[in-house]
Amino acid sequence: MQAQIPPALRDHVNEMATRAGISLSIFMELLLAGIELDDRGLPPWIPTATDPELPLQNAS
């Protein structure tokens, strides 16, 4: 799995893994395995086509 994320966020995730005493790979595995899914099979924070847009999309 590859993803481009902002350096500050990458550093934050690396720091959490270090504090947990585990590798980044194991941290990401645990993080992803712990995401609860709704009836669509998606995290509940992903909007549906009928939901209003996320607040950040409306921010100006």
N, C-alpha and C. Protein backbone atom coordinates (compact mmCIF):
# COMPACT_ATOMS: atom_id res chain seq x y z
N MET A 1 0.85 -1.16 0.00
CA MET A 1 0.00 0.00 0.00
C MET A 1 0.90 1.23 0.00
N GLN A 2 0.57 2.17 -0.85
CA GLN A 2 1.31 3.42 -0.88
C GLN A 2 0.32 4.57 -0.85
N ALA A 3 0.73 5.63 -0.19
CA ALA A 3 -0.10 6.83 -0.14
C ALA A 3 0.80 8.02 0.08
N GLN A 4 0.43 9.14 -0.51
CA GLN A 4 1.15 10.38 -0.26
C GLN A 4 0.34 11.18 0.75
N ILE A 5 0.97 11.45 1.89
CA ILE A 5 0.31 12.25 2.92
C ILE A 5 1.25 13.39 3.30
N PRO A 6 0.71 14.46 3.83
CA PRO A 6 1.55 15.58 4.22
C PRO A 6 2.62 15.14 5.23
N PRO A 7 3.82 15.68 5.13
CA PRO A 7 4.91 15.29 6.03
C PRO A 7 4.55 15.39 7.51
N ALA A 8 3.83 16.41 7.91
CA ALA A 8 3.47 16.57 9.33
C ALA A 8 2.58 15.41 9.80
N LEU A 9 1.67 14.98 8.95
CA LEU A 9 0.79 13.86 9.31
C LEU A 9 1.59 12.56 9.35
N ARG A 10 2.50 12.38 8.40
CA ARG A 10 3.37 11.20 8.39
C ARG A 10 4.19 11.16 9.67
N ASP A 11 4.74 12.30 10.07
CA ASP A 11 5.53 12.36 11.29
C ASP A 11 4.68 12.01 12.51
N HIS A 12 3.43 12.48 12.51
CA HIS A 12 2.52 12.20 13.63
C HIS A 12 2.24 10.70 13.74
N VAL A 13 2.00 10.05 12.63
CA VAL A 13 1.74 8.61 12.64
C VAL A 13 2.98 7.84 13.07
N ASN A 14 4.14 8.24 12.56
CA ASN A 14 5.38 7.59 12.97
C ASN A 14 5.61 7.75 14.47
N GLU A 15 5.32 8.92 15.00
CA GLU A 15 5.48 9.16 16.43
C GLU A 15 4.54 8.27 17.25
N MET A 16 3.31 8.11 16.80
CA MET A 16 2.38 7.24 17.52
C MET A 16 2.88 5.80 17.53
N ALA A 17 3.39 5.33 16.40
CA ALA A 17 3.93 3.97 16.33
C ALA A 17 5.11 3.82 17.28
N THR A 18 5.98 4.81 17.29
CA THR A 18 7.15 4.78 18.18
C THR A 18 6.71 4.75 19.64
N ARG A 19 5.75 5.58 19.98
CA ARG A 19 5.25 5.60 21.37
C ARG A 19 4.62 4.27 21.76
N ALA A 20 3.99 3.61 20.78
CA ALA A 20 3.37 2.31 21.04
C ALA A 20 4.40 1.19 21.09
N GLY A 21 5.63 1.49 20.65
CA GLY A 21 6.68 0.48 20.67
C GLY A 21 6.53 -0.56 19.57
N ILE A 22 5.88 -0.16 18.47
CA ILE A 22 5.66 -1.09 17.35
C ILE A 22 6.11 -0.42 16.05
N SER A 23 6.25 -1.22 15.03
CA SER A 23 6.65 -0.68 13.73
C SER A 23 5.50 0.10 13.11
N LEU A 24 5.85 0.96 12.19
CA LEU A 24 4.82 1.70 11.46
C LEU A 24 3.89 0.74 10.73
N SER A 25 4.44 -0.31 10.18
CA SER A 25 3.64 -1.30 9.46
C SER A 25 2.59 -1.94 10.37
N ILE A 26 3.00 -2.37 11.56
CA ILE A 26 2.06 -2.97 12.51
C ILE A 26 1.05 -1.92 12.98
N PHE A 27 1.51 -0.70 13.23
CA PHE A 27 0.60 0.36 13.65
C PHE A 27 -0.49 0.57 12.60
N MET A 28 -0.10 0.66 11.33
CA MET A 28 -1.08 0.87 10.26
C MET A 28 -2.04 -0.32 10.15
N GLU A 29 -1.51 -1.52 10.31
CA GLU A 29 -2.37 -2.71 10.27
C GLU A 29 -3.43 -2.66 11.37
N LEU A 30 -3.01 -2.32 12.58
CA LEU A 30 -3.95 -2.23 13.70
C LEU A 30 -4.96 -1.10 13.49
N LEU A 31 -4.46 0.03 13.01
CA LEU A 31 -5.32 1.18 12.77
C LEU A 31 -6.41 0.84 11.75
N LEU A 32 -6.01 0.25 10.64
CA LEU A 32 -6.97 -0.08 9.59
C LEU A 32 -7.93 -1.18 10.02
N ALA A 33 -7.44 -2.16 10.76
CA ALA A 33 -8.31 -3.25 11.22
C ALA A 33 -9.33 -2.76 12.23
N GLY A 34 -9.04 -1.64 12.91
CA GLY A 34 -9.94 -1.12 13.93
C GLY A 34 -11.01 -0.17 13.42
N ILE A 35 -11.03 0.12 12.13
CA ILE A 35 -12.03 1.04 11.60
C ILE A 35 -13.38 0.34 11.52
N GLU A 36 -14.37 0.92 12.19
CA GLU A 36 -15.71 0.36 12.14
C GLU A 36 -16.37 0.76 10.83
N LEU A 37 -17.18 -0.14 10.27
CA LEU A 37 -17.84 0.11 9.00
C LEU A 37 -19.35 0.17 9.19
N ASP A 38 -20.00 0.97 8.35
CA ASP A 38 -21.46 1.06 8.39
C ASP A 38 -22.07 0.03 7.44
N ASP A 39 -23.37 0.13 7.20
CA ASP A 39 -24.05 -0.84 6.35
C ASP A 39 -23.63 -0.76 4.88
N ARG A 40 -22.92 0.30 4.52
CA ARG A 40 -22.40 0.41 3.15
C ARG A 40 -21.05 -0.26 3.02
N GLY A 41 -20.47 -0.67 4.15
CA GLY A 41 -19.14 -1.23 4.15
C GLY A 41 -18.07 -0.15 4.14
N LEU A 42 -18.43 1.07 4.56
CA LEU A 42 -17.53 2.21 4.60
C LEU A 42 -17.50 2.80 6.01
N PRO A 43 -16.42 3.51 6.35
CA PRO A 43 -16.42 4.21 7.64
C PRO A 43 -17.59 5.21 7.67
N PRO A 44 -18.22 5.37 8.81
CA PRO A 44 -19.39 6.26 8.88
C PRO A 44 -19.07 7.72 8.57
N TRP A 45 -17.81 8.12 8.59
CA TRP A 45 -17.45 9.51 8.31
C TRP A 45 -17.31 9.78 6.81
N ILE A 46 -17.51 8.76 5.97
CA ILE A 46 -17.53 8.97 4.52
C ILE A 46 -18.97 9.36 4.15
N PRO A 47 -19.17 10.55 3.56
CA PRO A 47 -20.54 10.97 3.24
C PRO A 47 -21.16 10.11 2.13
N THR A 48 -22.47 10.04 2.17
CA THR A 48 -23.21 9.36 1.10
C THR A 48 -23.60 10.38 0.05
N ALA A 49 -24.11 9.90 -1.07
CA ALA A 49 -24.53 10.80 -2.15
C ALA A 49 -25.67 11.71 -1.69
N THR A 50 -26.45 11.28 -0.71
CA THR A 50 -27.58 12.08 -0.24
C THR A 50 -27.25 12.95 0.96
N ASP A 51 -26.07 12.73 1.56
CA ASP A 51 -25.64 13.54 2.70
C ASP A 51 -25.15 14.91 2.23
N PRO A 52 -25.26 15.92 3.08
CA PRO A 52 -24.65 17.20 2.71
C PRO A 52 -23.14 17.03 2.63
N GLU A 53 -22.50 17.97 1.96
CA GLU A 53 -21.06 17.94 1.83
C GLU A 53 -20.40 18.08 3.19
N LEU A 54 -19.19 17.58 3.28
CA LEU A 54 -18.43 17.75 4.51
C LEU A 54 -18.21 19.23 4.78
N PRO A 55 -18.19 19.66 6.03
CA PRO A 55 -18.01 21.07 6.35
C PRO A 55 -16.76 21.67 5.72
N LEU A 56 -15.67 20.92 5.65
CA LEU A 56 -14.44 21.47 5.09
C LEU A 56 -14.58 21.82 3.62
N GLN A 57 -15.46 21.10 2.92
CA GLN A 57 -15.66 21.41 1.50
C GLN A 57 -16.40 22.72 1.31
N ASN A 58 -17.16 23.12 2.32
CA ASN A 58 -17.93 24.36 2.25
C ASN A 58 -17.18 25.55 2.83
N ALA A 59 -16.08 25.27 3.54
CA ALA A 59 -15.32 26.35 4.18
C ALA A 59 -14.66 27.24 3.14
N SER A 60 -14.64 28.52 3.41
CA SER A 60 -13.95 29.42 2.49
C SER A 60 -13.04 30.36 3.22
